[in-house]
N, C-alpha and C. Protein backbone atom coordinates (compact mmCIF):
# COMPACT_ATOMS: atom_id res chain seq x y z
N UNK A 1 7.72 -0.10 -16.58
CA UNK A 1 8.04 -1.48 -16.84
C UNK A 1 8.64 -1.64 -18.23
N UNK A 2 8.14 -0.90 -19.19
CA UNK A 2 8.68 -1.05 -20.54
C UNK A 2 10.13 -0.59 -20.62
N UNK A 3 10.50 0.40 -19.82
CA UNK A 3 11.90 0.84 -19.80
C UNK A 3 12.78 -0.28 -19.25
N UNK A 4 12.34 -0.92 -18.18
CA UNK A 4 13.11 -2.02 -17.61
C UNK A 4 13.22 -3.19 -18.58
N UNK A 5 12.11 -3.52 -19.24
CA UNK A 5 12.14 -4.62 -20.21
C UNK A 5 13.07 -4.32 -21.37
N UNK A 6 13.06 -3.08 -21.82
CA UNK A 6 13.95 -2.69 -22.92
C UNK A 6 15.41 -2.77 -22.49
N UNK A 7 15.69 -2.28 -21.30
CA UNK A 7 17.06 -2.26 -20.81
C UNK A 7 17.58 -3.67 -20.53
N UNK A 8 16.72 -4.57 -20.11
CA UNK A 8 17.13 -5.91 -19.72
C UNK A 8 16.80 -6.97 -20.75
N UNK A 9 16.32 -6.59 -21.92
CA UNK A 9 15.84 -7.54 -22.92
C UNK A 9 16.86 -8.61 -23.27
N UNK A 10 18.09 -8.20 -23.54
CA UNK A 10 19.10 -9.20 -23.91
C UNK A 10 19.36 -10.20 -22.80
N UNK A 11 19.39 -9.72 -21.56
CA UNK A 11 19.61 -10.63 -20.43
C UNK A 11 18.43 -11.58 -20.26
N UNK A 12 17.19 -11.06 -20.42
CA UNK A 12 16.02 -11.93 -20.33
C UNK A 12 16.05 -13.00 -21.41
N UNK A 13 16.43 -12.62 -22.61
CA UNK A 13 16.50 -13.57 -23.72
C UNK A 13 17.56 -14.64 -23.44
N UNK A 14 18.73 -14.22 -23.00
CA UNK A 14 19.81 -15.18 -22.70
C UNK A 14 19.40 -16.14 -21.59
N UNK A 15 18.78 -15.61 -20.52
CA UNK A 15 18.35 -16.45 -19.40
C UNK A 15 17.26 -17.43 -19.83
N UNK A 16 16.35 -16.97 -20.66
CA UNK A 16 15.28 -17.85 -21.13
C UNK A 16 15.85 -18.98 -21.98
N UNK A 17 16.76 -18.64 -22.88
CA UNK A 17 17.37 -19.67 -23.72
C UNK A 17 18.20 -20.64 -22.90
N UNK A 18 18.94 -20.13 -21.90
CA UNK A 18 19.75 -21.00 -21.05
C UNK A 18 18.89 -21.94 -20.22
N UNK A 19 17.66 -21.51 -19.91
CA UNK A 19 16.75 -22.32 -19.10
C UNK A 19 15.76 -23.11 -19.95
N UNK A 20 15.92 -23.06 -21.28
CA UNK A 20 15.02 -23.74 -22.21
C UNK A 20 13.57 -23.30 -22.06
N UNK A 21 13.39 -22.00 -21.83
CA UNK A 21 12.05 -21.43 -21.74
C UNK A 21 11.78 -20.71 -23.05
N UNK A 22 10.66 -21.02 -23.67
CA UNK A 22 10.33 -20.40 -24.94
C UNK A 22 10.14 -18.89 -24.75
N UNK A 23 10.59 -18.13 -25.73
CA UNK A 23 10.46 -16.68 -25.63
C UNK A 23 9.00 -16.24 -25.60
N UNK A 24 8.12 -17.04 -26.19
CA UNK A 24 6.70 -16.73 -26.13
C UNK A 24 6.19 -16.76 -24.70
N UNK A 25 6.69 -17.69 -23.91
CA UNK A 25 6.30 -17.79 -22.51
C UNK A 25 6.79 -16.57 -21.73
N UNK A 26 8.04 -16.18 -21.98
CA UNK A 26 8.58 -14.99 -21.33
C UNK A 26 7.74 -13.78 -21.69
N UNK A 27 7.36 -13.68 -22.95
CA UNK A 27 6.53 -12.57 -23.40
C UNK A 27 5.19 -12.55 -22.69
N UNK A 28 4.55 -13.70 -22.59
CA UNK A 28 3.24 -13.75 -21.94
C UNK A 28 3.32 -13.37 -20.47
N UNK A 29 4.35 -13.84 -19.79
CA UNK A 29 4.53 -13.48 -18.38
C UNK A 29 4.78 -11.98 -18.24
N UNK A 30 5.61 -11.43 -19.11
CA UNK A 30 5.90 -9.99 -19.07
C UNK A 30 4.62 -9.18 -19.31
N UNK A 31 3.80 -9.62 -20.25
CA UNK A 31 2.55 -8.91 -20.52
C UNK A 31 1.64 -8.97 -19.31
N UNK A 32 1.54 -10.14 -18.68
CA UNK A 32 0.69 -10.25 -17.50
C UNK A 32 1.19 -9.34 -16.38
N UNK A 33 2.50 -9.25 -16.23
CA UNK A 33 3.04 -8.42 -15.16
C UNK A 33 2.89 -6.93 -15.44
N UNK A 34 2.79 -6.55 -16.68
CA UNK A 34 2.63 -5.13 -16.99
C UNK A 34 1.18 -4.67 -16.86
N UNK A 35 0.27 -5.61 -16.84
CA UNK A 35 -1.13 -5.25 -16.63
C UNK A 35 -1.32 -4.81 -15.18
N UNK A 36 -2.32 -4.03 -14.94
CA UNK A 36 -2.57 -3.57 -13.58
C UNK A 36 -3.30 -4.66 -12.81
N UNK A 37 -2.60 -5.22 -11.83
CA UNK A 37 -3.17 -6.27 -10.98
C UNK A 37 -2.96 -5.86 -9.54
N UNK A 38 -3.67 -6.52 -8.66
CA UNK A 38 -3.41 -6.27 -7.25
C UNK A 38 -2.20 -7.08 -6.81
N UNK A 39 -1.68 -6.80 -5.65
CA UNK A 39 -0.45 -7.42 -5.17
C UNK A 39 -0.52 -8.93 -5.08
N UNK A 40 -1.68 -9.47 -4.70
CA UNK A 40 -1.80 -10.91 -4.54
C UNK A 40 -1.63 -11.63 -5.88
N UNK A 41 -2.20 -11.09 -6.94
CA UNK A 41 -2.09 -11.72 -8.26
C UNK A 41 -0.65 -11.68 -8.74
N UNK A 42 0.03 -10.55 -8.56
CA UNK A 42 1.43 -10.44 -8.97
C UNK A 42 2.29 -11.43 -8.19
N UNK A 43 2.02 -11.58 -6.90
CA UNK A 43 2.77 -12.54 -6.09
C UNK A 43 2.55 -13.96 -6.60
N UNK A 44 1.32 -14.31 -6.91
CA UNK A 44 1.04 -15.66 -7.43
C UNK A 44 1.71 -15.89 -8.77
N UNK A 45 1.71 -14.89 -9.63
CA UNK A 45 2.40 -15.02 -10.91
C UNK A 45 3.89 -15.22 -10.70
N UNK A 46 4.48 -14.48 -9.78
CA UNK A 46 5.91 -14.61 -9.50
C UNK A 46 6.23 -16.00 -8.97
N UNK A 47 5.40 -16.52 -8.09
CA UNK A 47 5.60 -17.86 -7.56
C UNK A 47 5.50 -18.89 -8.68
N UNK A 48 4.52 -18.73 -9.57
CA UNK A 48 4.36 -19.64 -10.70
C UNK A 48 5.60 -19.64 -11.58
N UNK A 49 6.13 -18.46 -11.86
CA UNK A 49 7.30 -18.36 -12.72
C UNK A 49 8.50 -19.03 -12.05
N UNK A 50 8.68 -18.82 -10.76
CA UNK A 50 9.80 -19.45 -10.06
C UNK A 50 9.67 -20.97 -10.10
N UNK A 51 8.47 -21.48 -9.87
CA UNK A 51 8.26 -22.93 -9.90
C UNK A 51 8.51 -23.46 -11.32
N UNK A 52 8.03 -22.75 -12.32
CA UNK A 52 8.22 -23.20 -13.70
C UNK A 52 9.69 -23.24 -14.07
N UNK A 53 10.42 -22.21 -13.70
CA UNK A 53 11.85 -22.16 -14.00
C UNK A 53 12.56 -23.27 -13.25
N UNK A 54 12.19 -23.51 -12.00
CA UNK A 54 12.82 -24.57 -11.22
C UNK A 54 12.59 -25.93 -11.89
N UNK A 55 11.37 -26.18 -12.32
CA UNK A 55 11.07 -27.47 -12.96
C UNK A 55 11.81 -27.64 -14.26
N UNK A 56 11.92 -26.58 -15.03
CA UNK A 56 12.64 -26.66 -16.30
C UNK A 56 14.11 -26.93 -16.05
N UNK A 57 14.69 -26.23 -15.09
CA UNK A 57 16.12 -26.39 -14.84
C UNK A 57 16.43 -27.73 -14.17
N UNK A 58 15.47 -28.30 -13.47
CA UNK A 58 15.68 -29.60 -12.80
C UNK A 58 15.14 -30.76 -13.61
N UNK A 59 14.56 -30.46 -14.77
CA UNK A 59 13.97 -31.48 -15.65
C UNK A 59 12.94 -32.33 -14.93
N UNK A 60 12.07 -31.68 -14.16
CA UNK A 60 11.03 -32.39 -13.42
C UNK A 60 9.80 -32.53 -14.29
């Protein structure tokens, strides 16, 4: 995961800024995803992130 984060860091930063998501939030989500969790928890985190990004981009 750290290799992917390093390789994609600039794109993640640009996407976060374009979506008005604080970099601290991106960091916290990335840390949670790098921890060892079962599939259900990772799925719920992914759904949460998608909903959060949707709300930010739609100004809900």
